[in-house]
N, C-alpha and C. Protein backbone atom coordinates (compact mmCIF):
# COMPACT_ATOMS: atom_id res chain seq x y z
N MET A 1 81.08 133.43 -50.16
CA MET A 1 79.62 133.49 -50.18
C MET A 1 78.97 134.45 -49.20
N SER A 2 78.35 135.42 -49.87
CA SER A 2 77.66 136.47 -49.05
C SER A 2 76.33 135.98 -48.48
N LEU A 3 76.21 136.22 -47.32
CA LEU A 3 75.14 135.68 -46.42
C LEU A 3 74.11 136.93 -46.31
N ARG A 4 74.03 137.83 -47.31
CA ARG A 4 73.09 138.84 -47.25
C ARG A 4 71.83 138.44 -47.80
N ASP A 5 71.90 137.60 -48.67
CA ASP A 5 70.72 136.86 -49.42
C ASP A 5 69.82 136.23 -48.42
N PRO A 6 68.62 136.46 -48.09
CA PRO A 6 67.80 135.93 -47.04
C PRO A 6 67.60 134.40 -47.25
N PHE A 7 67.68 133.95 -48.53
CA PHE A 7 67.63 132.53 -48.81
C PHE A 7 68.79 131.79 -48.36
N LYS A 8 69.99 132.35 -48.74
CA LYS A 8 71.16 131.67 -48.23
C LYS A 8 71.32 131.65 -46.73
N LEU A 9 70.97 132.75 -46.19
CA LEU A 9 71.09 132.94 -44.76
C LEU A 9 70.26 131.77 -43.92
N GLU A 10 69.07 131.62 -44.43
CA GLU A 10 68.10 130.64 -43.93
C GLU A 10 68.78 129.21 -44.10
N LEU A 11 69.29 128.94 -45.33
CA LEU A 11 69.77 127.64 -45.71
C LEU A 11 71.07 127.18 -44.74
N ALA A 12 71.95 128.34 -44.49
CA ALA A 12 73.14 128.24 -43.72
C ALA A 12 72.58 127.90 -42.20
N ARG A 13 71.51 128.60 -41.70
CA ARG A 13 71.14 128.47 -40.42
C ARG A 13 70.52 127.00 -40.37
N LYS A 14 69.93 126.51 -41.16
CA LYS A 14 69.15 125.13 -41.09
C LYS A 14 70.47 124.21 -41.19
N ARG A 15 71.26 124.29 -41.95
CA ARG A 15 72.53 123.37 -41.95
C ARG A 15 73.42 123.23 -40.71
N ARG A 16 73.55 124.36 -39.98
CA ARG A 16 74.43 124.61 -38.81
C ARG A 16 73.76 124.45 -37.65
N LEU A 17 72.53 124.66 -37.58
CA LEU A 17 71.85 124.69 -36.29
C LEU A 17 70.71 123.66 -36.02
N GLU A 18 69.98 123.22 -37.04
CA GLU A 18 69.01 122.19 -36.93
C GLU A 18 69.70 120.91 -36.86
N LYS A 19 69.95 120.47 -35.68
CA LYS A 19 70.59 119.02 -35.38
C LYS A 19 69.99 118.41 -34.30
N MET A 20 70.38 117.18 -33.96
CA MET A 20 69.92 116.55 -32.85
C MET A 20 71.17 116.08 -32.19
N ILE A 21 71.47 116.32 -30.74
CA ILE A 21 72.66 115.82 -30.29
C ILE A 21 72.21 114.78 -29.24
N CYS A 22 73.24 113.62 -29.21
CA CYS A 22 72.95 112.59 -28.36
C CYS A 22 73.48 112.95 -27.02
N ARG A 23 72.56 112.67 -25.98
CA ARG A 23 72.96 112.99 -24.48
C ARG A 23 74.00 111.94 -24.05
N LYS A 24 74.01 110.78 -24.51
CA LYS A 24 75.06 109.74 -24.02
C LYS A 24 76.51 109.88 -24.71
N CYS A 25 76.61 110.08 -25.92
CA CYS A 25 77.95 110.19 -26.60
C CYS A 25 78.35 111.68 -26.98
N GLY A 26 77.19 112.37 -27.22
CA GLY A 26 77.52 113.79 -27.90
C GLY A 26 77.58 113.86 -29.38
N ALA A 27 77.27 112.84 -30.19
CA ALA A 27 77.32 112.77 -31.53
C ALA A 27 76.25 113.76 -32.11
N THR A 28 76.46 114.27 -33.38
CA THR A 28 75.61 115.06 -33.95
C THR A 28 74.74 114.27 -34.88
N ASN A 29 73.45 114.53 -34.89
CA ASN A 29 72.47 113.55 -35.72
C ASN A 29 71.62 114.49 -36.54
N PRO A 30 71.01 113.77 -37.64
CA PRO A 30 70.13 114.73 -38.35
C PRO A 30 68.93 115.29 -37.65
N PRO A 31 68.23 116.21 -38.05
CA PRO A 31 67.16 116.78 -37.40
C PRO A 31 65.92 115.92 -37.02
N ARG A 32 65.69 114.96 -37.95
CA ARG A 32 64.61 114.14 -37.67
C ARG A 32 65.04 112.73 -37.11
N ALA A 33 66.19 112.62 -36.52
CA ALA A 33 66.84 111.42 -35.97
C ALA A 33 65.97 110.94 -34.83
N THR A 34 65.82 109.68 -34.74
CA THR A 34 65.01 109.02 -33.49
C THR A 34 66.08 108.22 -32.73
N LYS A 35 67.20 107.81 -33.25
CA LYS A 35 68.27 107.05 -32.45
C LYS A 35 69.56 107.73 -32.96
N CYS A 36 70.53 107.65 -31.95
CA CYS A 36 71.70 108.10 -32.41
C CYS A 36 72.53 107.24 -33.36
N ARG A 37 73.25 107.79 -34.53
CA ARG A 37 73.96 107.03 -35.31
C ARG A 37 75.20 106.34 -34.88
N LYS A 38 75.61 106.65 -33.66
CA LYS A 38 76.97 106.14 -33.18
C LYS A 38 76.68 105.05 -32.19
N CYS A 39 75.76 105.44 -31.03
CA CYS A 39 75.85 104.53 -30.00
C CYS A 39 74.20 103.94 -29.94
N ARG A 40 73.43 104.32 -30.91
CA ARG A 40 72.01 103.89 -30.98
C ARG A 40 71.16 104.05 -29.79
N SER A 41 71.38 105.22 -28.97
CA SER A 41 70.77 105.63 -27.82
C SER A 41 69.55 106.40 -28.37
N LYS A 42 68.50 106.37 -27.71
CA LYS A 42 67.23 107.03 -28.19
C LYS A 42 67.16 108.47 -27.25
N ASN A 43 68.09 108.59 -26.61
CA ASN A 43 68.03 109.89 -25.67
C ASN A 43 68.70 111.24 -26.47
N LEU A 44 67.98 111.57 -27.12
CA LEU A 44 68.52 112.83 -28.03
C LEU A 44 67.79 114.05 -27.77
N ARG A 45 68.57 115.15 -27.87
CA ARG A 45 68.08 116.56 -27.58
C ARG A 45 68.26 117.47 -28.89
N PRO A 46 67.44 118.54 -29.05
CA PRO A 46 67.74 119.39 -30.01
C PRO A 46 68.98 120.28 -29.79
N LYS A 47 69.78 120.84 -30.70
CA LYS A 47 70.94 121.54 -30.49
C LYS A 47 70.38 122.89 -30.01
N ARG A 48 71.09 123.25 -28.99
CA ARG A 48 70.71 124.70 -28.39
C ARG A 48 71.33 125.74 -29.39
N ILE A 49 70.18 126.61 -29.84
CA ILE A 49 70.44 127.73 -30.56
C ILE A 49 71.06 129.15 -29.94
N ARG A 50 70.43 129.38 -28.81
CA ARG A 50 71.16 130.53 -28.16
C ARG A 50 72.06 129.95 -27.02
N GLY A 51 72.79 130.93 -26.39
CA GLY A 51 73.92 130.41 -25.63
C GLY A 51 73.34 129.95 -24.21
N ARG A 52 74.00 129.32 -23.30
CA ARG A 52 73.44 129.00 -22.14
C ARG A 52 73.24 130.19 -21.15
N ARG A 53 72.09 130.06 -20.40
CA ARG A 53 71.58 131.02 -19.58
C ARG A 53 70.79 130.49 -18.44
């Protein structure tokens, strides 16, 4: 699959990067999640898009 198409590039970016991460157990959750799917904690953060600095 070529990612030169802007639509496919945006779709791939959303699927890979727009996630919520649980601070308690580290599980990956959907972008609109309010609770963790594994431990049911409400302590979620968005996935970092850039590297740590």
